[in-house]
Amino acid sequence: MDKSIRIQLPLDDKTVRSLKAGDSVLLSGSLYTGRDAAHKRLIELLDKGEKLPIDIDGQVIYYVGPAPAQPGHPVGSAGPTTSYRMDPYTPRLIELGLKGMVGKGKRNQAVIDAMKKHGAVYFGAVGGAAALIAKSITKVEVVAYPDLGAEAIHRFEIKDFPAVVLIDAEGNNMYEIGPALYKKIDV
């Protein structure tokens, strides 16, 4: 029996607030990709008072630099990158309506505080499962910064993309909860 929660993207406040740290999810719909170079450019635009090349309201950004596609496939391996590199930029994007991020690794307190204040969620994808994750990606389109190559902003159409809620909108954090639960186990 599949206990994963099926979620249609983009996200709304009700969905975000219903998710709890530790929930397994299957994401479907559209999400954007972006790594540190793209995030830096987004913030530079905001600093200049200019419009972003994508509307991030309600959106999810997947921290990935996808590998080139093999013939007959929309994308090559597409595993998550370490999220902390986006931490300097993320609170500002959350303030503007970003509702979710997908990556791996811990987030800093400023990101978690912004998630709690504005209602956002951090999903974890399994590092090392890039080829498996790519099977959930049905369509890929570069939407901004093509000069960045794999680090350009892409729009992915996804179906049943597997992830886990690592940090929920209340700030509950699996990087803290998980080890605490393990310590309680009587071995």
Protein backbone atom coordinates (compact mmCIF):
# COMPACT_ATOMS: atom_id res chain seq x y z
CA MET A 1 0.00 0.00 0.00
CA ASP A 2 1.38 3.40 -1.03
CA LYS A 3 1.37 5.78 1.94
CA SER A 4 2.76 8.70 -0.05
CA ILE A 5 0.73 11.89 -0.24
CA ARG A 6 0.00 12.87 -3.83
CA ILE A 7 0.49 16.59 -4.41
CA GLN A 8 -0.37 18.64 -7.47
CA LEU A 9 1.92 21.60 -8.13
CA PRO A 10 1.93 24.58 -7.86
CA LEU A 11 1.41 24.64 -4.09
CA ASP A 12 -1.20 26.57 -2.16
CA ASP A 13 -1.13 27.62 1.49
CA LYS A 14 -3.58 24.90 2.57
CA THR A 15 -1.43 22.13 1.09
CA VAL A 16 1.80 23.59 2.46
CA ARG A 17 0.36 23.92 5.98
CA SER A 18 -1.03 20.35 5.89
CA LEU A 19 2.38 18.76 5.26
CA LYS A 20 4.41 17.52 8.21
CA ALA A 21 8.10 16.72 8.51
CA GLY A 22 8.59 13.07 7.60
CA ASP A 23 5.68 12.87 5.14
CA SER A 24 6.46 10.95 1.96
CA VAL A 25 5.10 12.72 -1.10
CA LEU A 26 4.70 12.21 -4.82
CA LEU A 27 4.82 15.54 -6.63
CA SER A 28 3.15 16.10 -10.01
CA GLY A 29 2.82 19.20 -12.16
CA SER A 30 5.38 21.90 -12.98
CA LEU A 31 8.39 23.00 -10.99
CA TYR A 32 11.42 25.13 -11.74
CA THR A 33 15.07 24.24 -11.39
CA GLY A 34 17.80 26.49 -10.13
CA ARG A 35 21.16 26.37 -8.46
CA ASP A 36 23.37 29.04 -6.92
CA ALA A 37 24.32 30.86 -10.16
CA ALA A 38 20.67 31.25 -11.18
CA HIS A 39 19.64 32.25 -7.64
CA LYS A 40 22.33 34.91 -7.57
CA ARG A 41 21.00 36.37 -10.81
CA LEU A 42 17.42 36.38 -9.50
CA ILE A 43 18.44 38.33 -6.42
CA GLU A 44 20.52 40.76 -8.52
CA LEU A 45 17.39 41.49 -10.58
CA LEU A 46 15.38 42.11 -7.40
CA ASP A 47 18.12 44.39 -6.07
CA LYS A 48 17.81 46.46 -9.25
CA GLY A 49 14.02 46.61 -8.90
CA GLU A 50 13.54 44.50 -12.02
CA LYS A 51 11.05 41.73 -12.70
CA LEU A 52 12.05 38.08 -12.34
CA PRO A 53 12.04 35.94 -15.52
CA ILE A 54 9.66 33.47 -13.81
CA ASP A 55 6.65 33.93 -11.56
CA ILE A 56 7.64 32.17 -8.34
CA ASP A 57 4.34 32.68 -6.49
CA GLY A 58 3.20 29.25 -5.29
CA GLN A 59 6.08 27.56 -7.07
CA VAL A 60 8.65 24.93 -6.12
CA ILE A 61 12.32 25.16 -7.08
CA TYR A 62 14.33 21.96 -7.46
CA TYR A 63 18.03 22.41 -6.77
CA VAL A 64 19.44 20.43 -9.69
CA GLY A 65 21.73 20.74 -12.67
CA PRO A 66 20.33 18.04 -14.94
CA ALA A 67 22.60 15.97 -17.16
CA PRO A 68 22.00 16.09 -20.93
CA ALA A 69 19.21 13.86 -22.17
CA GLN A 70 19.87 10.63 -24.01
CA PRO A 71 17.88 10.12 -27.24
CA GLY A 72 14.23 9.43 -26.46
CA HIS A 73 14.37 10.92 -22.95
CA PRO A 74 13.47 14.44 -21.78
CA VAL A 75 16.42 14.67 -19.36
CA GLY A 76 19.47 12.79 -18.17
CA SER A 77 20.28 12.11 -14.53
CA ALA A 78 18.65 14.75 -12.34
CA GLY A 79 19.65 14.29 -8.71
CA PRO A 80 19.43 16.97 -6.05
CA THR A 81 22.29 19.25 -5.20
CA THR A 82 23.23 20.45 -1.72
CA SER A 83 20.75 23.11 -0.67
CA TYR A 84 22.81 25.27 1.67
CA ARG A 85 24.42 26.99 -1.33
CA MET A 86 21.05 28.62 -2.04
CA ASP A 87 20.49 29.70 1.59
CA PRO A 88 21.75 33.30 1.12
CA TYR A 89 19.08 33.86 -1.56
CA THR A 90 16.15 31.72 -0.42
CA PRO A 91 14.50 33.87 2.30
CA ARG A 92 13.91 36.69 -0.18
CA LEU A 93 12.32 34.32 -2.69
CA ILE A 94 10.09 32.83 0.01
CA GLU A 95 8.96 36.36 0.91
CA LEU A 96 7.90 36.76 -2.74
CA GLY A 97 5.75 33.62 -2.68
CA LEU A 98 8.06 30.64 -3.24
CA LYS A 99 6.24 27.76 -1.51
CA GLY A 100 8.65 24.86 -1.82
CA MET A 101 12.19 23.77 -2.43
CA VAL A 102 13.59 20.34 -3.29
CA GLY A 103 17.18 19.45 -2.51
CA LYS A 104 19.35 17.64 -0.02
CA GLY A 105 21.03 18.66 3.19
CA LYS A 106 20.35 21.05 6.04
CA ARG A 107 19.05 24.62 5.74
CA ASN A 108 20.14 27.61 7.79
CA GLN A 109 17.98 29.30 10.41
CA ALA A 110 17.15 32.30 8.20
CA VAL A 111 15.60 29.95 5.61
CA ILE A 112 13.64 28.06 8.29
CA ASP A 113 12.41 31.33 9.82
CA ALA A 114 11.21 32.54 6.40
CA MET A 115 9.46 29.19 5.82
CA LYS A 116 7.61 29.53 9.11
CA LYS A 117 6.71 33.19 8.58
CA HIS A 118 5.50 32.88 4.97
CA GLY A 119 4.43 29.22 4.76
CA ALA A 120 6.88 27.16 2.73
CA VAL A 121 8.13 23.59 2.80
CA TYR A 122 11.48 21.94 2.10
CA PHE A 123 11.37 18.57 0.36
CA GLY A 124 14.27 16.16 0.24
CA ALA A 125 15.06 14.06 -2.81
CA VAL A 126 17.37 11.10 -2.51
CA GLY A 127 20.93 11.88 -3.49
CA GLY A 128 22.43 9.06 -5.54
CA ALA A 129 19.08 8.25 -7.16
CA ALA A 130 19.47 10.69 -10.06
CA ALA A 131 18.62 8.19 -12.79
CA LEU A 132 15.54 6.99 -10.91
CA ILE A 133 14.37 10.55 -10.24
CA ALA A 134 14.76 11.40 -13.94
CA LYS A 135 12.05 8.84 -14.73
CA SER A 136 9.55 11.16 -12.98
CA ILE A 137 10.42 14.05 -15.30
CA THR A 138 8.24 14.02 -18.42
CA LYS A 139 9.13 17.33 -20.08
CA VAL A 140 11.97 19.86 -19.81
CA GLU A 141 12.13 23.44 -21.07
CA VAL A 142 14.81 26.08 -20.46
CA VAL A 143 12.99 29.24 -19.31
CA ALA A 144 15.83 31.55 -18.20
CA TYR A 145 19.62 31.94 -18.32
CA PRO A 146 20.45 29.43 -21.08
CA ASP A 147 24.07 30.63 -20.92
CA LEU A 148 24.36 28.76 -17.60
CA GLY A 149 23.98 25.40 -19.35
CA ALA A 150 22.85 22.73 -16.90
CA GLU A 151 22.44 25.45 -14.25
CA ALA A 152 19.93 27.41 -16.36
CA ILE A 153 16.42 27.70 -14.96
CA HIS A 154 14.32 24.91 -16.43
CA ARG A 155 10.64 24.14 -16.13
CA PHE A 156 10.19 20.45 -15.44
CA GLU A 157 6.88 18.68 -15.90
CA ILE A 158 6.90 15.90 -13.34
CA LYS A 159 4.69 12.94 -12.47
CA ASP A 160 4.96 11.13 -9.14
CA PHE A 161 8.33 12.67 -8.27
CA PRO A 162 9.28 11.01 -4.94
CA ALA A 163 10.33 13.23 -2.04
CA VAL A 164 10.12 13.55 1.74
CA VAL A 165 9.14 16.63 3.73
CA LEU A 166 12.40 17.47 5.52
CA ILE A 167 11.25 20.77 7.05
CA ASP A 168 7.60 21.75 7.27
CA ALA A 169 6.00 25.19 7.49
CA GLU A 170 6.05 25.00 11.29
CA GLY A 171 9.82 24.52 11.31
CA ASN A 172 9.72 20.84 12.29
CA ASN A 173 12.99 19.50 10.95
CA MET A 174 13.79 15.86 10.16
CA TYR A 175 17.48 16.60 10.64
CA GLU A 176 16.63 17.14 14.32
CA ILE A 177 13.62 14.82 14.75
CA GLY A 178 15.23 11.78 13.09
CA PRO A 179 18.34 11.57 15.28
CA ALA A 180 16.26 12.24 18.42
CA LEU A 181 13.94 9.33 17.55
CA TYR A 182 16.90 7.06 16.86
CA LYS A 183 18.41 7.86 20.26
CA LYS A 184 15.18 6.70 21.93
CA ILE A 185 15.40 3.24 20.37
CA ASP A 186 16.45 0.62 22.88
CA VAL A 187 19.10 -1.43 21.14
